[in-house]
Amino acid sequence: MKPLLSIILILLLNACNNTNYTFNSNLNRDAIEDYFKPSEVTVYEGEDQPSEPFEQKGLVRGEACQTQKNGVPITLADARTLARRAAADRNANGLIIKNCVLIDELTPGCFSSAFCVGQAIKTTSRKNN
C-alpha cells in the first residue's frame, strides 16, 4: 500500500511541476527599491555625529510641501526622509543634518512646507538606525 501511495504522490507532484504557472503583479521592482532607499542611510543630528572617518558626497536637501488646504500636514520627518533619499541617490550611507525648518505660512503652491539640508557621507561601516 505504501509503495502505491508514494507512486501516486510522486505523479501528482510531477504533474504540478510540469504546469506553467505565471505570476503577474502591478508592483514595480524599481519603485519598491526606491521606497526603501532612505532606510539605507543613517541620520546624524545634534550631538549624534559619526565616530569614524567618512567621505563627503555633497550637500543634499529634502523639501516637503502640503499642496491641499485639507491635506495631511507636513512634518520635519517628511523632509528628513526626502533628504535621506537624496543622500542614497549619491551612494551615501549617512546624512549629517545641518538644519531643518518647518514653515507653517502659506507660500506659493504650499499651505505648509518643511526643509532639511544636510551633508551626505559615506562611512566604512554602518550603524543601526
C-alpha atoms as a PDB file:
ATOM      1  CA  MET A   1       0.000   0.000   0.000  1.00  0.00           C
ATOM      2  CA  LYS A   2       2.824   2.406   0.875  1.00  0.00           C
ATOM      3  CA  PRO A   3       4.626   1.991  -2.475  1.00  0.00           C
ATOM      4  CA  LEU A   4       1.361   2.676  -4.341  1.00  0.00           C
ATOM      5  CA  LEU A   5       0.694   5.802  -2.258  1.00  0.00           C
ATOM      6  CA  SER A   6       4.260   7.007  -2.860  1.00  0.00           C
ATOM      7  CA  ILE A   7       3.931   6.500  -6.619  1.00  0.00           C
ATOM      8  CA  ILE A   8       0.619   8.397  -6.717  1.00  0.00           C
ATOM      9  CA  LEU A   9       2.110  11.255  -4.689  1.00  0.00           C
ATOM     10  CA  ILE A  10       5.148  11.449  -6.994  1.00  0.00           C
ATOM     11  CA  LEU A  11       2.902  11.510 -10.073  1.00  0.00           C
ATOM     12  CA  LEU A  12       0.748  14.274  -8.598  1.00  0.00           C
ATOM     13  CA  LEU A  13       3.766  16.388  -7.693  1.00  0.00           C
ATOM     14  CA  ASN A  14       5.252  15.821 -11.126  1.00  0.00           C
ATOM     15  CA  ALA A  15       2.006  16.927 -12.765  1.00  0.00           C
ATOM     16  CA  CYS A  16       2.092  20.177 -10.792  1.00  0.00           C
ATOM     17  CA  ASN A  17       5.713  20.703 -11.716  1.00  0.00           C
ATOM     18  CA  ASN A  18       5.060  20.499 -15.463  1.00  0.00           C
ATOM     19  CA  THR A  19       2.396  23.195 -15.430  1.00  0.00           C
ATOM     20  CA  ASN A  20       3.487  26.692 -16.450  1.00  0.00           C
ATOM     21  CA  TYR A  21       2.189  28.979 -13.742  1.00  0.00           C
ATOM     22  CA  THR A  22       2.922  32.670 -14.080  1.00  0.00           C
ATOM     23  CA  PHE A  23       2.584  35.409 -11.539  1.00  0.00           C
ATOM     24  CA  ASN A  24       1.715  38.907 -12.673  1.00  0.00           C
ATOM     25  CA  SER A  25       1.760  41.855 -10.333  1.00  0.00           C
ATOM     26  CA  ASN A  26       1.177  45.566 -10.584  1.00  0.00           C
ATOM     27  CA  LEU A  27       4.171  46.158  -8.298  1.00  0.00           C
ATOM     28  CA  ASN A  28       7.221  47.759  -9.844  1.00  0.00           C
ATOM     29  CA  ARG A  29      10.566  46.426  -8.557  1.00  0.00           C
ATOM     30  CA  ASP A  30      12.287  49.801  -9.046  1.00  0.00           C
ATOM     31  CA  ALA A  31       9.542  51.602  -7.115  1.00  0.00           C
ATOM     32  CA  ILE A  32       9.889  49.167  -4.213  1.00  0.00           C
ATOM     33  CA  GLU A  33      13.668  49.608  -4.102  1.00  0.00           C
ATOM     34  CA  ASP A  34      13.237  53.402  -4.238  1.00  0.00           C
ATOM     35  CA  TYR A  35      10.691  53.264  -1.403  1.00  0.00           C
ATOM     36  CA  PHE A  36      13.142  51.532   0.942  1.00  0.00           C
ATOM     37  CA  LYS A  37      16.180  53.551  -0.175  1.00  0.00           C
ATOM     38  CA  PRO A  38      16.063  56.029   2.772  1.00  0.00           C
ATOM     39  CA  SER A  39      16.400  53.159   5.267  1.00  0.00           C
ATOM     40  CA  GLU A  40      19.929  52.561   3.936  1.00  0.00           C
ATOM     41  CA  VAL A  41      21.044  55.999   5.193  1.00  0.00           C
ATOM     42  CA  THR A  42      21.886  56.623   8.861  1.00  0.00           C
ATOM     43  CA  VAL A  43      20.924  60.076  10.142  1.00  0.00           C
ATOM     44  CA  TYR A  44      23.341  62.004  12.373  1.00  0.00           C
ATOM     45  CA  GLU A  45      21.836  65.004  14.100  1.00  0.00           C
ATOM     46  CA  GLY A  46      22.763  67.262  17.006  1.00  0.00           C
ATOM     47  CA  GLU A  47      25.136  65.529  19.440  1.00  0.00           C
ATOM     48  CA  ASP A  48      24.966  62.284  17.433  1.00  0.00           C
ATOM     49  CA  GLN A  49      27.841  62.550  14.956  1.00  0.00           C
ATOM     50  CA  PRO A  50      29.822  59.902  13.024  1.00  0.00           C
ATOM     51  CA  SER A  51      32.548  58.365  15.162  1.00  0.00           C
ATOM     52  CA  GLU A  52      34.646  57.184  12.233  1.00  0.00           C
ATOM     53  CA  PRO A  53      36.223  58.773   9.172  1.00  0.00           C
ATOM     54  CA  PHE A  54      33.908  59.427   6.247  1.00  0.00           C
ATOM     55  CA  GLU A  55      33.941  60.627   2.672  1.00  0.00           C
ATOM     56  CA  GLN A  56      31.793  63.657   1.828  1.00  0.00           C
ATOM     57  CA  LYS A  57      29.370  63.073  -1.037  1.00  0.00           C
ATOM     58  CA  GLY A  58      27.885  66.578  -1.165  1.00  0.00           C
ATOM     59  CA  LEU A  59      25.054  68.662   0.236  1.00  0.00           C
ATOM     60  CA  VAL A  60      21.534  67.288  -0.112  1.00  0.00           C
ATOM     61  CA  ARG A  61      18.131  68.641   0.780  1.00  0.00           C
ATOM     62  CA  GLY A  62      14.658  67.370   1.358  1.00  0.00           C
ATOM     63  CA  GLU A  63      11.682  69.583   0.647  1.00  0.00           C
ATOM     64  CA  ALA A  64       8.120  68.573   1.517  1.00  0.00           C
ATOM     65  CA  CYS A  65       5.009  70.588   0.657  1.00  0.00           C
ATOM     66  CA  GLN A  66       1.359  70.393   1.736  1.00  0.00           C
ATOM     67  CA  THR A  67      -0.387  71.203  -1.552  1.00  0.00           C
ATOM     68  CA  GLN A  68      -4.013  70.970  -0.382  1.00  0.00           C
ATOM     69  CA  LYS A  69      -5.566  73.015   2.399  1.00  0.00           C
ATOM     70  CA  ASN A  70      -7.231  69.948   3.915  1.00  0.00           C
ATOM     71  CA  GLY A  71      -4.265  67.673   3.166  1.00  0.00           C
ATOM     72  CA  VAL A  72      -2.084  65.893   5.657  1.00  0.00           C
ATOM     73  CA  PRO A  73       0.142  68.420   7.453  1.00  0.00           C
ATOM     74  CA  ILE A  74       3.809  68.230   6.508  1.00  0.00           C
ATOM     75  CA  THR A  75       6.350  67.301   9.178  1.00  0.00           C
ATOM     76  CA  LEU A  76      10.105  67.598   9.518  1.00  0.00           C
ATOM     77  CA  ALA A  77      10.239  63.795   9.262  1.00  0.00           C
ATOM     78  CA  ASP A  78       8.859  64.056   5.708  1.00  0.00           C
ATOM     79  CA  ALA A  79      11.635  66.447   4.684  1.00  0.00           C
ATOM     80  CA  ARG A  80      14.266  64.365   6.514  1.00  0.00           C
ATOM     81  CA  THR A  81      13.141  61.231   4.639  1.00  0.00           C
ATOM     82  CA  LEU A  82      13.431  63.039   1.305  1.00  0.00           C
ATOM     83  CA  ALA A  83      16.930  64.221   2.282  1.00  0.00           C
ATOM     84  CA  ARG A  84      17.854  60.615   3.150  1.00  0.00           C
ATOM     85  CA  ARG A  85      16.618  59.506  -0.279  1.00  0.00           C
ATOM     86  CA  ALA A  86      18.736  62.237  -1.916  1.00  0.00           C
ATOM     87  CA  ALA A  87      21.755  61.028   0.077  1.00  0.00           C
ATOM     88  CA  ALA A  88      21.137  57.433  -1.041  1.00  0.00           C
ATOM     89  CA  ASP A  89      20.969  58.666  -4.637  1.00  0.00           C
ATOM     90  CA  ARG A  90      24.545  59.952  -4.138  1.00  0.00           C
ATOM     91  CA  ASN A  91      25.635  56.498  -2.958  1.00  0.00           C
ATOM     92  CA  ALA A  92      25.913  57.684   0.656  1.00  0.00           C
ATOM     93  CA  ASN A  93      25.137  55.635   3.746  1.00  0.00           C
ATOM     94  CA  GLY A  94      24.988  58.551   6.159  1.00  0.00           C
ATOM     95  CA  LEU A  95      23.450  62.015   6.435  1.00  0.00           C
ATOM     96  CA  ILE A  96      24.631  64.731   8.802  1.00  0.00           C
ATOM     97  CA  ILE A  97      21.626  67.024   9.255  1.00  0.00           C
ATOM     98  CA  LYS A  98      22.705  70.677   9.228  1.00  0.00           C
ATOM     99  CA  ASN A  99      19.296  72.334   9.576  1.00  0.00           C
ATOM    100  CA  CYS A 100      15.586  71.552   9.344  1.00  0.00           C
ATOM    101  CA  VAL A 101      12.838  74.174   9.167  1.00  0.00           C
ATOM    102  CA  LEU A 102       9.048  73.877   9.305  1.00  0.00           C
ATOM    103  CA  ILE A 103       7.168  76.746   7.650  1.00  0.00           C
ATOM    104  CA  ASP A 104       3.501  76.979   8.632  1.00  0.00           C
ATOM    105  CA  GLU A 105       2.858  80.050   6.490  1.00  0.00           C
ATOM    106  CA  LEU A 106       1.292  79.999   3.048  1.00  0.00           C
ATOM    107  CA  THR A 107       3.910  80.010   0.297  1.00  0.00           C
ATOM    108  CA  PRO A 108       3.287  79.755  -3.464  1.00  0.00           C
ATOM    109  CA  GLY A 109       1.723  76.322  -4.014  1.00  0.00           C
ATOM    110  CA  CYS A 110       2.162  75.160  -0.395  1.00  0.00           C
ATOM    111  CA  PHE A 111      -0.014  75.581   2.674  1.00  0.00           C
ATOM    112  CA  SER A 112       2.893  74.387   4.830  1.00  0.00           C
ATOM    113  CA  SER A 113       6.445  73.338   3.994  1.00  0.00           C
ATOM    114  CA  ALA A 114       9.372  71.549   5.585  1.00  0.00           C
ATOM    115  CA  PHE A 115      13.015  71.724   4.526  1.00  0.00           C
ATOM    116  CA  CYS A 116      16.046  69.754   5.666  1.00  0.00           C
ATOM    117  CA  VAL A 117      19.604  70.328   4.498  1.00  0.00           C
ATOM    118  CA  GLY A 118      22.482  68.018   5.268  1.00  0.00           C
ATOM    119  CA  GLN A 119      25.808  66.560   4.235  1.00  0.00           C
ATOM    120  CA  ALA A 120      25.674  63.183   2.510  1.00  0.00           C
ATOM    121  CA  ILE A 121      28.561  60.996   3.672  1.00  0.00           C
ATOM    122  CA  LYS A 122      29.960  57.527   3.039  1.00  0.00           C
ATOM    123  CA  THR A 123      31.345  55.667   6.061  1.00  0.00           C
ATOM    124  CA  THR A 124      33.180  52.347   6.043  1.00  0.00           C
ATOM    125  CA  SER A 125      30.618  50.769   8.344  1.00  0.00           C
ATOM    126  CA  ARG A 126      27.007  51.473   9.077  1.00  0.00           C
ATOM    127  CA  LYS A 127      25.412  51.868  12.491  1.00  0.00           C
ATOM    128  CA  ASN A 128      21.838  50.784  13.090  1.00  0.00           C
ATOM    129  CA  ASN A 129      19.167  53.494  12.980  1.00  0.00           C
END
